[in-house]
N, C-alpha and C. Protein backbone atom coordinates (compact mmCIF):
# COMPACT_ATOMS: atom_id res chain seq x y z
N UNK A 1 4.30 65.90 192.08
CA UNK A 1 6.14 65.97 192.29
C UNK A 1 6.46 66.91 192.91
N UNK A 2 7.44 66.69 193.31
CA UNK A 2 8.50 67.58 194.43
C UNK A 2 9.92 67.81 193.37
N UNK A 3 10.67 68.92 193.62
CA UNK A 3 12.26 68.99 193.33
C UNK A 3 12.76 69.19 194.68
N UNK A 4 13.79 68.87 194.50
CA UNK A 4 15.04 69.35 195.00
C UNK A 4 16.23 70.15 195.11
N UNK A 5 16.29 71.34 195.73
CA UNK A 5 17.71 72.56 195.17
C UNK A 5 18.16 72.37 196.38
N UNK A 6 19.44 72.46 196.17
CA UNK A 6 20.89 72.30 197.26
C UNK A 6 21.60 73.86 197.14
N UNK A 7 21.83 75.35 198.03
CA UNK A 7 22.33 76.26 197.80
C UNK A 7 23.89 75.53 198.08
N UNK A 8 24.48 77.30 198.24
CA UNK A 8 25.71 77.11 198.35
C UNK A 8 26.34 76.31 199.47
N UNK A 9 25.60 76.93 200.50
CA UNK A 9 25.53 76.79 202.23
C UNK A 9 25.21 75.57 202.66
N UNK A 10 24.58 74.78 201.70
CA UNK A 10 24.15 73.14 202.81
C UNK A 10 22.53 73.52 203.00
N UNK A 11 22.55 74.70 203.27
CA UNK A 11 20.62 74.26 202.70
C UNK A 11 20.08 74.10 201.79
N UNK A 12 18.96 72.87 202.04
CA UNK A 12 18.12 72.18 200.97
C UNK A 12 16.54 72.53 201.48
N UNK A 13 15.65 72.52 200.10
CA UNK A 13 14.83 73.24 199.94
C UNK A 13 13.98 72.12 198.97
N UNK A 14 12.42 72.15 198.96
CA UNK A 14 11.89 70.85 198.64
C UNK A 14 10.75 72.08 197.76
N UNK A 15 10.37 71.63 196.33
CA UNK A 15 9.47 72.40 195.92
C UNK A 15 8.93 72.01 195.52
N UNK A 16 7.38 72.21 195.19
CA UNK A 16 6.55 71.79 194.13
C UNK A 16 5.60 72.79 193.41
N UNK A 17 5.87 71.98 192.72
CA UNK A 17 5.78 72.94 191.63
C UNK A 17 4.07 73.43 190.97
N UNK A 18 3.48 74.15 190.47
CA UNK A 18 2.39 75.18 190.80
C UNK A 18 1.08 73.76 190.24
N UNK A 19 0.03 74.28 191.41
CA UNK A 19 -0.73 72.88 190.86
C UNK A 19 -2.28 74.17 190.20
N UNK A 20 -2.90 73.07 189.67
CA UNK A 20 -4.51 73.98 189.13
C UNK A 20 -5.24 73.62 190.10
N UNK A 21 -5.89 73.09 191.46
CA UNK A 21 -6.23 72.59 192.21
C UNK A 21 -6.99 73.43 192.19
N UNK A 22 -7.94 73.96 193.29
CA UNK A 22 -8.54 75.02 194.00
C UNK A 22 -8.28 75.97 195.29
N UNK A 23 -7.22 74.50 195.59
CA UNK A 23 -6.44 75.12 197.17
C UNK A 23 -5.35 75.55 196.95
N UNK A 24 -4.81 74.96 196.26
CA UNK A 24 -2.93 75.41 195.91
C UNK A 24 -2.74 76.68 194.98
N UNK A 25 -3.59 76.98 194.10
CA UNK A 25 -3.52 77.84 193.16
C UNK A 25 -2.34 78.64 192.93
N UNK A 26 -1.48 78.71 192.07
CA UNK A 26 -0.28 79.56 192.51
C UNK A 26 0.39 79.27 193.11
N UNK A 27 0.79 78.81 194.02
CA UNK A 27 1.16 78.62 195.21
C UNK A 27 2.48 78.21 194.92
N UNK A 28 4.15 77.86 195.26
CA UNK A 28 4.76 77.14 195.47
C UNK A 28 4.90 76.94 197.23
N UNK A 29 4.96 75.56 197.07
CA UNK A 29 4.90 75.28 198.45
C UNK A 29 7.09 74.89 198.79
N UNK A 30 7.33 76.07 199.94
CA UNK A 30 8.97 75.30 200.20
C UNK A 30 8.66 74.49 201.34
N UNK A 31 9.58 73.66 201.95
CA UNK A 31 9.83 73.13 203.55
C UNK A 31 11.56 72.73 203.67
N UNK A 32 11.59 73.48 204.50
CA UNK A 32 13.28 72.89 204.88
C UNK A 32 13.59 71.80 205.60
N UNK A 33 14.77 71.18 204.54
CA UNK A 33 14.81 70.04 205.68
C UNK A 33 15.55 69.93 206.48
N UNK A 34 16.08 68.82 207.72
CA UNK A 34 16.70 69.43 209.05
C UNK A 34 18.40 69.26 208.64
N UNK A 35 19.24 69.49 208.24
CA UNK A 35 20.32 69.88 208.48
C UNK A 35 21.02 69.21 209.32
N UNK A 36 22.24 68.30 209.29
CA UNK A 36 23.01 67.21 210.42
C UNK A 36 22.89 67.75 210.98
N UNK A 37 23.03 68.49 211.92
CA UNK A 37 24.49 69.24 212.85
C UNK A 37 23.03 69.84 214.45
N UNK A 38 23.68 69.59 215.10
CA UNK A 38 22.96 70.09 216.80
C UNK A 38 23.23 71.66 216.70
N UNK A 39 21.71 71.60 217.50
CA UNK A 39 21.69 73.24 217.47
C UNK A 39 22.89 73.87 218.49
N UNK A 40 22.07 74.59 219.27
CA UNK A 40 23.34 75.37 219.91
C UNK A 40 22.72 74.95 221.23
N UNK A 41 20.90 75.13 221.72
CA UNK A 41 20.73 74.97 222.83
C UNK A 41 21.00 73.21 222.65
N UNK A 42 21.49 72.07 222.41
CA UNK A 42 21.28 71.09 221.76
C UNK A 42 22.50 70.81 222.56
N UNK A 43 24.01 70.93 222.10
CA UNK A 43 25.07 71.76 222.27
C UNK A 43 25.26 72.04 223.91
N UNK A 44 24.49 73.22 224.33
CA UNK A 44 24.74 73.65 225.33
C UNK A 44 23.83 72.35 226.79
N UNK A 45 22.67 71.78 226.02
CA UNK A 45 22.61 70.86 226.85
C UNK A 45 23.68 69.53 227.25
N UNK A 46 24.01 69.46 226.42
CA UNK A 46 24.91 67.97 226.63
C UNK A 46 25.83 68.53 227.45
N UNK A 47 26.79 70.10 226.77
CA UNK A 47 27.61 70.09 227.97
C UNK A 47 27.59 70.55 229.01
N UNK A 48 26.67 70.23 229.77
CA UNK A 48 26.17 70.58 230.93
C UNK A 48 25.93 69.63 231.32
N UNK A 49 25.40 68.50 230.86
CA UNK A 49 25.37 66.66 231.34
C UNK A 49 26.63 66.55 231.92
N UNK A 50 27.31 66.51 231.07
CA UNK A 50 28.79 66.55 230.95
C UNK A 50 29.38 66.75 231.98
N UNK A 51 29.20 68.10 232.18
CA UNK A 51 30.09 68.85 233.65
C UNK A 51 29.37 68.17 234.76
N UNK A 52 28.23 68.38 234.77
CA UNK A 52 27.37 67.59 235.87
C UNK A 52 27.87 66.17 236.34
N UNK A 53 27.98 65.71 235.31
CA UNK A 53 28.23 64.32 235.58
C UNK A 53 30.31 64.00 236.13
N UNK A 54 30.94 65.11 235.23
CA UNK A 54 32.04 65.30 235.95
C UNK A 54 32.76 65.68 237.87
N UNK A 55 31.66 66.72 238.35
CA UNK A 55 31.34 67.48 239.35
C UNK A 55 31.13 66.18 240.05
N UNK A 56 30.06 65.44 239.84
CA UNK A 56 29.50 64.43 240.80
C UNK A 56 31.53 63.21 240.44
N UNK A 57 31.98 62.93 239.60
CA UNK A 57 32.70 62.02 239.85
C UNK A 57 34.53 63.00 240.87
N UNK A 58 34.58 64.14 240.71
CA UNK A 58 34.98 65.03 241.44
C UNK A 58 35.02 64.76 243.38
N UNK A 59 33.64 64.54 243.43
CA UNK A 59 32.77 64.39 244.63
C UNK A 59 33.02 62.89 245.37
N UNK A 60 33.11 62.50 244.31
CA UNK A 60 32.77 60.66 244.38
C UNK A 60 34.89 60.03 245.23
N UNK A 61 35.43 60.92 244.40
CA UNK A 61 36.94 61.15 243.77
C UNK A 61 37.43 61.28 245.86
N UNK A 62 36.76 62.96 245.89
CA UNK A 62 37.25 63.67 247.44
C UNK A 62 37.03 63.26 248.19
N UNK A 63 35.85 62.09 248.29
CA UNK A 63 35.12 61.67 249.68
C UNK A 63 35.43 59.65 249.71
N UNK A 64 36.13 59.69 248.34
CA UNK A 64 36.98 57.66 248.25
C UNK A 64 38.36 58.58 249.07
N UNK A 65 39.02 59.52 248.84
CA UNK A 65 40.77 60.31 249.21
C UNK A 65 40.12 60.39 251.01
N UNK A 66 39.18 60.78 251.38
CA UNK A 66 39.05 60.75 252.87
C UNK A 66 38.55 59.60 253.92
N UNK A 67 38.49 58.29 252.46
CA UNK A 67 38.26 57.45 253.36
C UNK A 67 39.29 56.57 253.81
N UNK A 68 40.19 56.53 252.31
CA UNK A 68 41.64 56.01 251.80
C UNK A 68 42.63 56.74 252.91
N UNK A 69 42.63 58.22 253.73
CA UNK A 69 43.18 58.70 254.39
C UNK A 69 43.44 57.96 255.45
N UNK A 70 41.47 58.21 256.24
CA UNK A 70 41.54 57.59 257.47
C UNK A 70 41.75 56.80 257.67
N UNK A 71 41.66 55.44 256.71
CA UNK A 71 42.59 54.00 256.85
C UNK A 71 43.46 53.92 257.28
N UNK A 72 44.68 54.46 256.49
CA UNK A 72 45.91 54.75 256.61
C UNK A 72 46.09 54.69 257.80
N UNK A 73 45.79 55.84 258.07
CA UNK A 73 45.74 56.45 259.66
C UNK A 73 45.81 55.40 260.70
N UNK A 74 44.62 55.10 260.22
CA UNK A 74 44.50 53.36 261.54
C UNK A 74 45.41 52.66 261.73
N UNK A 75 45.64 51.92 260.13
CA UNK A 75 46.87 51.22 260.09
C UNK A 75 48.19 51.12 260.69
N UNK A 76 48.12 53.30 260.34
CA UNK A 76 50.00 53.20 261.18
C UNK A 76 49.37 53.89 262.59
N UNK A 77 47.98 53.57 263.34
CA UNK A 77 47.50 53.31 264.39
C UNK A 77 47.92 52.28 265.17
N UNK A 78 47.74 50.71 264.64
CA UNK A 78 47.61 49.64 264.81
C UNK A 78 48.86 49.49 264.17
N UNK A 79 49.45 49.30 263.16
CA UNK A 79 51.12 49.18 263.06
C UNK A 79 52.00 49.16 264.87
N UNK A 80 51.34 50.22 265.21
CA UNK A 80 52.42 51.34 266.04
C UNK A 80 51.60 50.03 267.45
N UNK A 81 50.71 49.92 267.08
CA UNK A 81 50.58 49.18 268.76
C UNK A 81 50.88 47.71 269.21
N UNK A 82 50.88 47.08 267.52
CA UNK A 82 51.64 46.22 267.68
C UNK A 82 53.17 45.94 267.90
N UNK A 83 54.33 47.34 267.75
CA UNK A 83 54.91 46.84 268.02
C UNK A 83 55.28 47.17 268.87
N UNK A 84 54.58 48.13 269.91
CA UNK A 84 54.63 47.90 271.26
C UNK A 84 54.14 46.44 272.11
N UNK A 85 53.14 46.07 271.66
CA UNK A 85 52.66 45.08 272.44
C UNK A 85 53.99 43.99 272.28
N UNK A 86 54.36 43.81 270.93
CA UNK A 86 55.52 42.50 270.38
C UNK A 86 56.60 42.88 271.50
N UNK A 87 57.32 44.76 271.63
CA UNK A 87 58.65 44.78 272.44
C UNK A 87 58.21 44.10 273.95
N UNK A 88 57.13 44.65 274.00
CA UNK A 88 56.35 44.71 275.51
C UNK A 88 56.94 42.71 275.86
N UNK A 89 56.00 42.11 274.82
CA UNK A 89 56.49 40.12 275.15
C UNK A 89 57.69 39.52 274.59
N UNK A 90 59.30 40.46 274.49
CA UNK A 90 59.90 39.55 273.92
C UNK A 90 60.34 39.93 274.99
N UNK A 91 61.25 41.37 275.41
CA UNK A 91 60.84 41.59 276.64
C UNK A 91 61.20 41.62 277.98
N UNK A 92 59.62 40.93 277.58
CA UNK A 92 59.00 40.81 279.42
C UNK A 92 58.49 41.90 280.33
N UNK A 93 58.27 42.90 279.45
CA UNK A 93 57.91 43.69 280.25
C UNK A 93 56.09 43.93 280.13
N UNK A 94 55.24 44.50 281.23
CA UNK A 94 54.09 44.31 281.64
C UNK A 94 53.08 45.67 281.17
N UNK A 95 52.23 45.44 281.40
CA UNK A 95 51.34 47.00 280.77
C UNK A 95 51.27 47.75 281.90
N UNK A 96 51.75 48.74 282.19
CA UNK A 96 51.48 49.72 283.01
C UNK A 96 53.13 50.23 283.33
N UNK A 97 53.61 49.07 282.75
CA UNK A 97 55.41 49.51 283.25
C UNK A 97 56.29 49.85 282.41
N UNK A 98 57.65 51.06 282.73
CA UNK A 98 57.73 52.05 282.34
C UNK A 98 59.42 51.01 281.07
N UNK A 99 59.49 52.23 280.56
CA UNK A 99 61.14 52.31 279.72
C UNK A 99 61.52 53.37 279.28
N UNK A 100 62.45 52.98 279.67
CA UNK A 100 63.40 54.60 278.87
C UNK A 100 63.19 54.30 277.66
N UNK A 101 62.90 55.38 276.87
CA UNK A 101 62.80 55.49 275.07
C UNK A 101 62.08 54.44 274.66
N UNK A 102 60.60 54.13 274.99
CA UNK A 102 60.11 53.23 274.23
C UNK A 102 59.78 53.14 272.33
N UNK A 103 59.91 54.70 272.80
CA UNK A 103 59.46 54.87 271.34
C UNK A 103 60.13 54.65 270.38
N UNK A 104 61.68 54.96 270.43
CA UNK A 104 63.02 54.89 269.76
C UNK A 104 62.89 53.75 269.64
N UNK A 105 62.78 52.16 270.64
CA UNK A 105 63.27 51.30 271.25
C UNK A 105 61.86 50.62 270.32
N UNK A 106 60.65 50.97 269.32
CA UNK A 106 59.88 50.03 269.19
C UNK A 106 59.77 50.62 266.92
N UNK A 107 60.46 51.92 267.10
CA UNK A 107 60.09 53.01 265.72
C UNK A 107 61.59 53.09 264.95
N UNK A 108 61.86 52.71 264.17
CA UNK A 108 63.05 53.13 263.46
C UNK A 108 63.85 51.62 262.82
N UNK A 109 64.96 51.91 262.14
CA UNK A 109 65.55 51.27 261.08
C UNK A 109 65.02 49.88 261.39
N UNK A 110 65.35 48.86 261.03
CA UNK A 110 65.39 47.79 262.10
C UNK A 110 64.98 47.42 263.07
N UNK A 111 63.64 48.17 263.48
CA UNK A 111 62.94 47.55 264.85
C UNK A 111 61.50 47.24 264.47
N UNK A 112 60.75 47.04 265.24
CA UNK A 112 59.44 46.84 265.12
C UNK A 112 58.35 47.53 263.70
N UNK A 113 58.86 48.40 263.72
CA UNK A 113 58.25 49.44 262.91
C UNK A 113 59.49 50.26 262.03
N UNK A 114 59.44 49.57 260.47
CA UNK A 114 60.92 50.88 259.93
C UNK A 114 60.94 52.02 260.14
N UNK A 115 59.89 53.26 259.98
CA UNK A 115 59.95 54.00 259.51
C UNK A 115 58.65 54.91 260.42
N UNK A 116 58.91 56.41 261.18
CA UNK A 116 57.91 57.03 261.09
C UNK A 116 57.06 57.59 260.68
N UNK A 117 55.29 56.85 261.39
CA UNK A 117 54.79 56.85 260.45
C UNK A 117 54.46 59.07 260.20
N UNK A 118 53.31 58.52 259.78
CA UNK A 118 53.10 60.04 259.33
C UNK A 118 51.74 60.07 258.47
N UNK A 119 50.51 60.45 259.17
CA UNK A 119 49.27 60.97 259.23
C UNK A 119 49.08 61.69 257.63
N UNK A 120 48.61 60.91 257.04
CA UNK A 120 48.16 60.88 255.25
C UNK A 120 47.19 62.91 255.21
N UNK A 121 46.72 62.60 256.45
CA UNK A 121 45.78 64.12 256.51
C UNK A 121 46.13 65.41 257.34
N UNK A 122 47.74 65.01 257.22
CA UNK A 122 48.60 66.35 257.76
C UNK A 122 48.24 65.97 259.70
N UNK A 123 47.48 65.76 259.71
CA UNK A 123 47.11 65.66 261.55
C UNK A 123 48.96 64.73 262.07
N UNK A 124 48.77 65.06 263.44
CA UNK A 124 49.69 64.73 264.36
C UNK A 124 49.83 63.66 265.39
N UNK A 125 50.71 62.88 265.36
CA UNK A 125 50.71 62.01 266.04
C UNK A 125 51.54 61.79 266.90
N UNK A 126 50.41 61.70 268.32
CA UNK A 126 50.96 61.75 269.70
C UNK A 126 51.00 60.15 270.82
N UNK A 127 52.77 59.98 270.50
CA UNK A 127 53.04 58.85 271.22
C UNK A 127 52.63 58.92 272.89
N UNK A 128 51.88 57.79 273.67
CA UNK A 128 52.13 57.64 274.46
C UNK A 128 50.33 58.28 275.15
N UNK A 129 50.05 58.72 274.34
CA UNK A 129 48.77 59.01 275.30
C UNK A 129 48.61 59.47 276.32
N UNK A 130 47.54 58.46 277.35
CA UNK A 130 46.96 59.14 278.58
C UNK A 130 48.28 58.16 279.90
N UNK A 131 49.18 58.15 279.47
CA UNK A 131 50.14 57.07 279.72
C UNK A 131 51.60 57.40 280.30
N UNK A 132 51.62 58.28 279.03
CA UNK A 132 53.00 58.88 278.83
C UNK A 132 53.72 57.58 278.19
N UNK A 133 54.49 58.70 277.12
CA UNK A 133 55.78 58.00 275.85
C UNK A 133 56.13 56.64 276.17
N UNK A 134 57.04 56.70 277.60
CA UNK A 134 57.73 55.48 278.03
C UNK A 134 57.49 54.45 278.84
N UNK A 135 55.30 54.45 278.90
CA UNK A 135 55.08 53.51 279.61
C UNK A 135 54.39 52.60 278.53
N UNK A 136 54.19 51.54 278.84
CA UNK A 136 53.18 50.53 278.14
C UNK A 136 51.87 50.32 278.27
N UNK A 137 50.78 51.27 277.62
CA UNK A 137 49.75 51.27 277.96
C UNK A 137 49.08 49.54 278.36
N UNK A 138 48.10 49.99 278.84
CA UNK A 138 46.91 48.78 279.34
C UNK A 138 46.69 47.64 278.16
N UNK A 139 46.39 46.46 277.73
CA UNK A 139 45.59 46.04 276.70
C UNK A 139 44.07 46.70 276.61
N UNK A 140 43.68 46.83 275.46
CA UNK A 140 42.17 48.06 275.12
C UNK A 140 43.00 49.75 274.85
N UNK A 141 43.81 49.96 275.20
CA UNK A 141 44.88 51.29 275.61
C UNK A 141 45.61 51.30 274.46
N UNK A 142 45.39 52.37 273.49
CA UNK A 142 46.17 52.66 272.30
C UNK A 142 47.76 53.85 272.92
N UNK A 143 48.40 53.03 272.63
CA UNK A 143 49.91 54.12 272.34
C UNK A 143 50.02 55.19 271.63
N UNK A 144 49.23 55.48 270.84
CA UNK A 144 49.80 56.36 269.25
C UNK A 144 48.40 56.32 269.15
N UNK A 145 47.79 58.06 269.17
CA UNK A 145 46.48 58.57 268.87
C UNK A 145 46.79 59.71 267.81
N UNK A 146 45.95 60.00 266.99
CA UNK A 146 46.30 60.91 266.07
C UNK A 146 45.33 62.57 266.42
N UNK A 147 45.78 63.09 266.52
CA UNK A 147 45.15 64.91 266.87
C UNK A 147 43.90 65.12 265.88
N UNK A 148 43.42 63.97 264.60
CA UNK A 148 42.24 64.14 263.87
C UNK A 148 41.23 62.63 264.55
N UNK A 149 41.19 62.15 265.83
CA UNK A 149 40.49 61.63 266.27
C UNK A 149 38.96 62.24 266.13
N UNK A 150 38.73 62.82 265.97
CA UNK A 150 37.17 63.83 266.36
C UNK A 150 36.84 62.80 264.74
N UNK A 151 37.94 63.11 263.75
CA UNK A 151 36.85 62.95 262.45
C UNK A 151 37.19 61.28 262.00
N UNK A 152 37.32 61.07 262.72
CA UNK A 152 37.33 59.36 262.75
C UNK A 152 38.63 58.63 262.74
N UNK A 153 40.12 59.15 262.54
CA UNK A 153 41.01 58.79 262.77
C UNK A 153 41.20 58.51 263.70
N UNK A 154 40.19 57.36 264.47
CA UNK A 154 40.66 56.60 265.54
C UNK A 154 40.51 54.91 265.21
N UNK A 155 40.93 53.59 265.47
CA UNK A 155 39.89 53.04 265.44
C UNK A 155 38.79 52.59 266.08
N UNK A 156 38.30 51.96 265.29
CA UNK A 156 36.48 51.58 266.31
C UNK A 156 36.22 50.94 267.91
N UNK A 157 36.77 49.95 267.56
CA UNK A 157 37.17 48.60 267.96
C UNK A 157 38.92 48.24 268.30
N UNK A 158 39.17 48.34 269.28
CA UNK A 158 40.59 48.19 269.69
C UNK A 158 41.13 47.80 270.77
N UNK A 159 39.75 46.99 271.67
CA UNK A 159 39.55 46.48 272.77
C UNK A 159 40.60 45.51 273.11
N UNK A 160 41.09 44.86 271.72
CA UNK A 160 42.21 43.43 272.49
C UNK A 160 43.30 43.49 271.45
N UNK A 161 43.40 44.88 271.73
CA UNK A 161 44.96 45.84 270.59
C UNK A 161 45.63 45.33 272.10
């Protein structure tokens, strides 16, 4: 037979009455029951696991942001390239020919590209590249390039642009 006593602070204790057998003569056996909360060590481990998961999430979000910025920069380059090709086809200019103010004829309100593109990673765009800003580049050469080309802000396959 066992008795359970509850104290005011919420601790419970099992108490067995004195027994007459030789092994437990005159002794009262007390055992603590488990309290329904978490220990400080368990709480610390849970917090550390949550912080680790949050840090992994931030690393993943940062990598996603870099990738999306790179993709948006390549889209800007592609749109400008399409605008230059469209202008040259529409007005009969061939690759290598010079057009005064080519950038202003392609980029602007009501033109082939509505507004001047801005690199999302704070890079700068260079119009004309190796051929000059007023020269229509040959097929397979870019008219617009980004200062962050070394970090992937350039398309890998633009031979047919």
